[in-house]
Amino acid sequence: MSTQIASAQTAATPKHYIYVLRLVPRLHDAAAWTDRDRSSVAAHFKRLQEATEQRKVVIAGRTDEPLGVTFGIVIFEARSDEEARDFMEADPTVKDGVMLAELHPYAVALLREQADA
C-alpha cells in the first residue's frame, strides 16, 4: 500500500480526544452564578446531547463534588487535532468564559461491551 493511501486512510479514521472542563474561579461560589452563566451551561448540555445523538461524543459528564473541585470530561471523536480543538472551543461554556478547557488526545485501551437495552 502506498504511503499516500495509508495516510488518507489514517486521516479518515476518527481518533478519540478528551477535553477536561473546570469552572472559572468566580463560579466556585453558587451565589455568583448569573442567568447568562446558567444559560451557557444549558446550551453546553444541549450541544453535547446533540453530538452524542450524532455519535460524535462517546461519553460526557462531571464529577459529583463541590463547585471549586468538580470537573467535567467529554470523550469524543474527531478526524484531526484541529477538528478536535475546534469542537472543544465551540463549546458554549468555553466561548462564554464559564469554563476553562484542556484538550488531550485519548487512546481507548479497554471498553466494556454494551449490554442490550
N, C-alpha and C. Protein backbone atom coordinates (compact mmCIF):
# COMPACT_ATOMS: atom_id res chain seq x y z
N MET A 1 0.85 -1.18 0.00
CA MET A 1 0.00 0.00 0.00
C MET A 1 0.89 1.24 0.00
N SER A 2 0.56 2.21 -0.83
CA SER A 2 1.39 3.41 -0.90
C SER A 2 1.23 4.24 0.36
N THR A 3 2.23 5.09 0.60
CA THR A 3 2.19 5.97 1.77
C THR A 3 1.02 6.93 1.69
N GLN A 4 0.72 7.43 0.48
CA GLN A 4 -0.41 8.35 0.31
C GLN A 4 -1.72 7.69 0.68
N ILE A 5 -1.93 6.47 0.23
CA ILE A 5 -3.18 5.76 0.54
C ILE A 5 -3.26 5.48 2.04
N ALA A 6 -2.17 5.05 2.64
CA ALA A 6 -2.16 4.79 4.09
C ALA A 6 -2.44 6.06 4.86
N SER A 7 -1.86 7.18 4.43
CA SER A 7 -2.09 8.46 5.12
C SER A 7 -3.54 8.89 4.98
N ALA A 8 -4.11 8.70 3.80
CA ALA A 8 -5.51 9.07 3.58
C ALA A 8 -6.44 8.22 4.44
N GLN A 9 -6.16 6.93 4.55
CA GLN A 9 -6.99 6.06 5.38
C GLN A 9 -6.86 6.44 6.85
N THR A 10 -5.65 6.75 7.30
CA THR A 10 -5.45 7.16 8.70
C THR A 10 -6.19 8.46 8.98
N ALA A 11 -6.13 9.42 8.05
CA ALA A 11 -6.79 10.70 8.24
C ALA A 11 -8.31 10.54 8.27
N ALA A 12 -8.83 9.54 7.57
CA ALA A 12 -10.27 9.34 7.52
C ALA A 12 -10.81 8.61 8.75
N THR A 13 -9.94 7.99 9.51
CA THR A 13 -10.36 7.24 10.69
C THR A 13 -10.42 8.18 11.89
N PRO A 14 -11.59 8.34 12.50
CA PRO A 14 -11.66 9.24 13.66
C PRO A 14 -10.77 8.74 14.81
N LYS A 15 -10.20 9.70 15.51
CA LYS A 15 -9.42 9.40 16.71
C LYS A 15 -10.21 9.90 17.91
N HIS A 16 -9.88 9.38 19.07
CA HIS A 16 -10.54 9.83 20.30
C HIS A 16 -9.76 10.97 20.93
N TYR A 17 -10.51 11.87 21.51
CA TYR A 17 -9.96 13.00 22.25
C TYR A 17 -10.76 13.14 23.53
N ILE A 18 -10.15 13.80 24.48
CA ILE A 18 -10.86 14.12 25.72
C ILE A 18 -10.61 15.59 26.02
N TYR A 19 -11.67 16.28 26.42
CA TYR A 19 -11.40 17.60 26.97
C TYR A 19 -11.96 17.65 28.37
N VAL A 20 -11.16 18.27 29.21
CA VAL A 20 -11.46 18.39 30.63
C VAL A 20 -11.93 19.82 30.85
N LEU A 21 -13.04 19.96 31.55
CA LEU A 21 -13.64 21.28 31.81
C LEU A 21 -13.61 21.57 33.30
N ARG A 22 -13.24 22.79 33.63
CA ARG A 22 -13.28 23.26 35.02
C ARG A 22 -13.95 24.63 35.05
N LEU A 23 -14.76 24.86 36.06
CA LEU A 23 -15.39 26.17 36.21
C LEU A 23 -14.34 27.24 36.43
N VAL A 24 -14.58 28.43 35.89
CA VAL A 24 -13.70 29.55 36.19
C VAL A 24 -13.84 29.84 37.69
N PRO A 25 -12.79 30.32 38.33
CA PRO A 25 -12.82 30.51 39.79
C PRO A 25 -13.99 31.34 40.32
N ARG A 26 -14.44 32.34 39.58
CA ARG A 26 -15.55 33.17 40.10
C ARG A 26 -16.82 32.36 40.30
N LEU A 27 -16.94 31.20 39.63
CA LEU A 27 -18.15 30.39 39.74
C LEU A 27 -18.03 29.27 40.77
N HIS A 28 -16.99 29.29 41.56
CA HIS A 28 -16.86 28.30 42.64
C HIS A 28 -17.87 28.59 43.75
N ASP A 29 -18.43 29.78 43.76
CA ASP A 29 -19.46 30.19 44.72
C ASP A 29 -20.80 30.17 43.98
N ALA A 30 -21.73 29.33 44.40
CA ALA A 30 -23.03 29.19 43.73
C ALA A 30 -23.78 30.52 43.66
N ALA A 31 -23.55 31.41 44.63
CA ALA A 31 -24.25 32.70 44.64
C ALA A 31 -23.75 33.63 43.54
N ALA A 32 -22.61 33.33 42.95
CA ALA A 32 -22.03 34.19 41.91
C ALA A 32 -22.60 33.92 40.51
N TRP A 33 -23.34 32.84 40.36
CA TRP A 33 -23.84 32.46 39.05
C TRP A 33 -24.89 33.45 38.55
N THR A 34 -24.77 33.84 37.28
CA THR A 34 -25.74 34.74 36.66
C THR A 34 -26.66 33.92 35.74
N ASP A 35 -27.72 34.57 35.28
CA ASP A 35 -28.60 33.91 34.31
C ASP A 35 -27.83 33.56 33.04
N ARG A 36 -26.90 34.42 32.65
CA ARG A 36 -26.09 34.17 31.45
C ARG A 36 -25.23 32.91 31.65
N ASP A 37 -24.67 32.74 32.84
CA ASP A 37 -23.86 31.55 33.13
C ASP A 37 -24.71 30.29 33.04
N ARG A 38 -25.90 30.33 33.64
CA ARG A 38 -26.80 29.18 33.60
C ARG A 38 -27.26 28.88 32.17
N SER A 39 -27.51 29.91 31.39
CA SER A 39 -27.92 29.74 30.01
C SER A 39 -26.79 29.10 29.19
N SER A 40 -25.57 29.50 29.46
CA SER A 40 -24.41 28.94 28.77
C SER A 40 -24.29 27.44 29.07
N VAL A 41 -24.49 27.06 30.34
CA VAL A 41 -24.40 25.65 30.72
C VAL A 41 -25.54 24.85 30.07
N ALA A 42 -26.72 25.44 29.97
CA ALA A 42 -27.83 24.76 29.31
C ALA A 42 -27.52 24.54 27.82
N ALA A 43 -26.94 25.54 27.17
CA ALA A 43 -26.56 25.40 25.76
C ALA A 43 -25.45 24.36 25.59
N HIS A 44 -24.52 24.32 26.54
CA HIS A 44 -23.44 23.32 26.57
C HIS A 44 -24.04 21.92 26.63
N PHE A 45 -24.98 21.72 27.53
CA PHE A 45 -25.60 20.40 27.68
C PHE A 45 -26.35 20.00 26.40
N LYS A 46 -27.12 20.94 25.85
CA LYS A 46 -27.89 20.64 24.63
C LYS A 46 -26.94 20.28 23.48
N ARG A 47 -25.85 21.01 23.33
CA ARG A 47 -24.88 20.72 22.27
C ARG A 47 -24.27 19.33 22.44
N LEU A 48 -23.89 18.99 23.67
CA LEU A 48 -23.30 17.67 23.91
C LEU A 48 -24.34 16.57 23.70
N GLN A 49 -25.56 16.83 24.07
CA GLN A 49 -26.64 15.87 23.86
C GLN A 49 -26.82 15.59 22.36
N GLU A 50 -26.83 16.66 21.55
CA GLU A 50 -26.96 16.50 20.11
C GLU A 50 -25.74 15.77 19.52
N ALA A 51 -24.55 16.11 19.98
CA ALA A 51 -23.33 15.46 19.48
C ALA A 51 -23.30 13.98 19.87
N THR A 52 -23.90 13.65 21.01
CA THR A 52 -24.00 12.25 21.43
C THR A 52 -24.95 11.50 20.50
N GLU A 53 -26.08 12.12 20.20
CA GLU A 53 -27.05 11.51 19.28
C GLU A 53 -26.45 11.31 17.89
N GLN A 54 -25.55 12.21 17.50
CA GLN A 54 -24.86 12.11 16.20
C GLN A 54 -23.66 11.17 16.26
N ARG A 55 -23.42 10.58 17.42
CA ARG A 55 -22.35 9.61 17.66
C ARG A 55 -20.96 10.21 17.60
N LYS A 56 -20.85 11.52 17.80
CA LYS A 56 -19.54 12.18 17.87
C LYS A 56 -19.01 12.09 19.31
N VAL A 57 -19.88 12.30 20.29
CA VAL A 57 -19.50 12.21 21.70
C VAL A 57 -19.69 10.77 22.16
N VAL A 58 -18.67 10.25 22.82
CA VAL A 58 -18.72 8.89 23.36
C VAL A 58 -19.31 8.92 24.76
N ILE A 59 -18.83 9.84 25.59
CA ILE A 59 -19.30 9.98 26.97
C ILE A 59 -19.02 11.40 27.44
N ALA A 60 -19.91 11.93 28.24
CA ALA A 60 -19.72 13.26 28.82
C ALA A 60 -20.34 13.27 30.20
N GLY A 61 -19.73 13.98 31.10
CA GLY A 61 -20.27 14.08 32.46
C GLY A 61 -19.33 14.88 33.34
N ARG A 62 -19.67 14.93 34.61
CA ARG A 62 -18.86 15.68 35.57
C ARG A 62 -18.78 14.92 36.88
N THR A 63 -17.82 15.29 37.66
CA THR A 63 -17.70 14.68 38.98
C THR A 63 -18.78 15.27 39.88
N ASP A 64 -19.13 14.54 40.90
CA ASP A 64 -20.17 14.97 41.84
C ASP A 64 -19.48 15.51 43.09
N GLU A 65 -18.91 16.68 42.93
CA GLU A 65 -18.12 17.30 44.01
C GLU A 65 -18.48 18.77 44.10
N PRO A 66 -18.02 19.46 45.14
CA PRO A 66 -18.29 20.90 45.26
C PRO A 66 -17.77 21.68 44.05
N LEU A 67 -18.36 22.84 43.79
CA LEU A 67 -18.06 23.64 42.61
C LEU A 67 -16.57 23.94 42.43
N GLY A 68 -15.85 24.18 43.50
CA GLY A 68 -14.43 24.51 43.40
C GLY A 68 -13.55 23.33 43.06
N VAL A 69 -14.09 22.14 43.12
CA VAL A 69 -13.31 20.91 42.91
C VAL A 69 -13.78 20.16 41.66
N THR A 70 -15.05 20.24 41.35
CA THR A 70 -15.62 19.44 40.28
C THR A 70 -14.98 19.72 38.93
N PHE A 71 -15.01 18.73 38.07
CA PHE A 71 -14.57 18.92 36.69
C PHE A 71 -15.40 18.01 35.80
N GLY A 72 -15.50 18.37 34.55
CA GLY A 72 -16.23 17.58 33.58
C GLY A 72 -15.27 17.01 32.55
N ILE A 73 -15.73 15.95 31.88
CA ILE A 73 -14.96 15.41 30.78
C ILE A 73 -15.90 15.14 29.61
N VAL A 74 -15.34 15.27 28.43
CA VAL A 74 -16.04 14.92 27.21
C VAL A 74 -15.06 14.07 26.40
N ILE A 75 -15.43 12.84 26.14
CA ILE A 75 -14.64 11.98 25.27
C ILE A 75 -15.40 11.93 23.95
N PHE A 76 -14.69 12.26 22.88
CA PHE A 76 -15.34 12.39 21.58
C PHE A 76 -14.40 11.97 20.46
N GLU A 77 -14.95 11.89 19.27
CA GLU A 77 -14.17 11.51 18.10
C GLU A 77 -14.00 12.72 17.18
N ALA A 78 -12.82 12.81 16.58
CA ALA A 78 -12.53 13.83 15.57
C ALA A 78 -11.51 13.25 14.60
N ARG A 79 -11.48 13.79 13.42
CA ARG A 79 -10.58 13.27 12.39
C ARG A 79 -9.19 13.90 12.44
N SER A 80 -9.04 15.00 13.20
CA SER A 80 -7.74 15.65 13.29
C SER A 80 -7.66 16.45 14.59
N ASP A 81 -6.44 16.82 14.94
CA ASP A 81 -6.24 17.65 16.13
C ASP A 81 -6.97 18.99 15.96
N GLU A 82 -6.92 19.54 14.76
CA GLU A 82 -7.58 20.82 14.50
C GLU A 82 -9.10 20.70 14.67
N GLU A 83 -9.69 19.64 14.13
CA GLU A 83 -11.13 19.42 14.28
C GLU A 83 -11.49 19.25 15.76
N ALA A 84 -10.64 18.54 16.51
CA ALA A 84 -10.89 18.34 17.94
C ALA A 84 -10.84 19.67 18.68
N ARG A 85 -9.84 20.48 18.39
CA ARG A 85 -9.71 21.78 19.05
C ARG A 85 -10.91 22.67 18.70
N ASP A 86 -11.31 22.66 17.45
CA ASP A 86 -12.47 23.46 17.04
C ASP A 86 -13.73 23.02 17.78
N PHE A 87 -13.91 21.71 17.94
CA PHE A 87 -15.08 21.19 18.65
C PHE A 87 -15.08 21.67 20.10
N MET A 88 -13.92 21.56 20.76
CA MET A 88 -13.82 21.99 22.15
C MET A 88 -14.06 23.50 22.28
N GLU A 89 -13.42 24.27 21.42
CA GLU A 89 -13.52 25.73 21.52
C GLU A 89 -14.91 26.25 21.16
N ALA A 90 -15.70 25.45 20.45
CA ALA A 90 -17.08 25.85 20.12
C ALA A 90 -18.06 25.55 21.26
N ASP A 91 -17.58 24.90 22.32
CA ASP A 91 -18.44 24.62 23.47
C ASP A 91 -18.91 25.96 24.04
N PRO A 92 -20.22 26.16 24.20
CA PRO A 92 -20.73 27.44 24.69
C PRO A 92 -20.10 27.89 26.01
N THR A 93 -19.83 26.96 26.92
CA THR A 93 -19.25 27.37 28.20
C THR A 93 -17.81 27.83 28.04
N VAL A 94 -17.11 27.31 27.06
CA VAL A 94 -15.74 27.74 26.79
C VAL A 94 -15.77 29.11 26.11
N LYS A 95 -16.63 29.24 25.09
CA LYS A 95 -16.76 30.53 24.38
C LYS A 95 -17.20 31.65 25.32
N ASP A 96 -18.09 31.32 26.26
CA ASP A 96 -18.65 32.34 27.16
C ASP A 96 -17.79 32.60 28.39
N GLY A 97 -16.69 31.88 28.55
CA GLY A 97 -15.82 32.10 29.70
C GLY A 97 -16.35 31.54 31.01
N VAL A 98 -17.26 30.57 30.93
CA VAL A 98 -17.82 29.94 32.12
C VAL A 98 -16.91 28.79 32.58
N MET A 99 -16.29 28.12 31.61
CA MET A 99 -15.41 27.00 31.93
C MET A 99 -14.09 27.14 31.16
N LEU A 100 -13.05 26.61 31.76
CA LEU A 100 -11.75 26.50 31.12
C LEU A 100 -11.62 25.07 30.63
N ALA A 101 -11.02 24.88 29.45
CA ALA A 101 -10.95 23.54 28.88
C ALA A 101 -9.52 23.21 28.46
N GLU A 102 -9.17 21.93 28.63
CA GLU A 102 -7.89 21.39 28.18
C GLU A 102 -8.17 20.21 27.28
N LEU A 103 -7.51 20.17 26.13
CA LEU A 103 -7.70 19.10 25.16
C LEU A 103 -6.54 18.12 25.21
N HIS A 104 -6.87 16.83 25.12
CA HIS A 104 -5.86 15.77 25.12
C HIS A 104 -6.25 14.70 24.11
N PRO A 105 -5.28 14.20 23.31
CA PRO A 105 -5.56 13.01 22.53
C PRO A 105 -5.79 11.87 23.52
N TYR A 106 -6.65 10.94 23.17
CA TYR A 106 -7.04 9.90 24.12
C TYR A 106 -7.03 8.55 23.43
N ALA A 107 -6.37 7.59 24.02
CA ALA A 107 -6.31 6.24 23.46
C ALA A 107 -7.15 5.31 24.32
N VAL A 108 -8.22 4.79 23.75
CA VAL A 108 -9.06 3.84 24.46
C VAL A 108 -8.32 2.51 24.50
N ALA A 109 -8.03 2.01 25.69
CA ALA A 109 -7.34 0.73 25.84
C ALA A 109 -8.32 -0.41 26.08
N LEU A 110 -9.34 -0.14 26.88
CA LEU A 110 -10.35 -1.15 27.20
C LEU A 110 -11.71 -0.49 27.15
N LEU A 111 -12.67 -1.22 26.64
CA LEU A 111 -14.03 -0.71 26.57
C LEU A 111 -14.96 -1.89 26.81
N ARG A 112 -15.77 -1.78 27.84
CA ARG A 112 -16.66 -2.91 28.12
C ARG A 112 -17.73 -2.98 27.03
N GLU A 113 -18.23 -4.16 26.85
CA GLU A 113 -19.28 -4.39 25.88
C GLU A 113 -20.57 -3.79 26.42
N GLN A 114 -21.36 -3.18 25.55
CA GLN A 114 -22.62 -2.59 25.95
C GLN A 114 -23.65 -3.69 26.15
N ALA A 115 -24.40 -3.60 27.22
CA ALA A 115 -25.50 -4.55 27.47
C ALA A 115 -26.65 -4.22 26.52
N ASP A 116 -27.40 -5.21 26.14
CA ASP A 116 -28.57 -4.96 25.30
C ASP A 116 -29.58 -4.15 26.10
N ALA A 117 -30.09 -3.11 25.47
CA ALA A 117 -31.04 -2.23 26.15
C ALA A 117 -32.45 -2.73 25.99
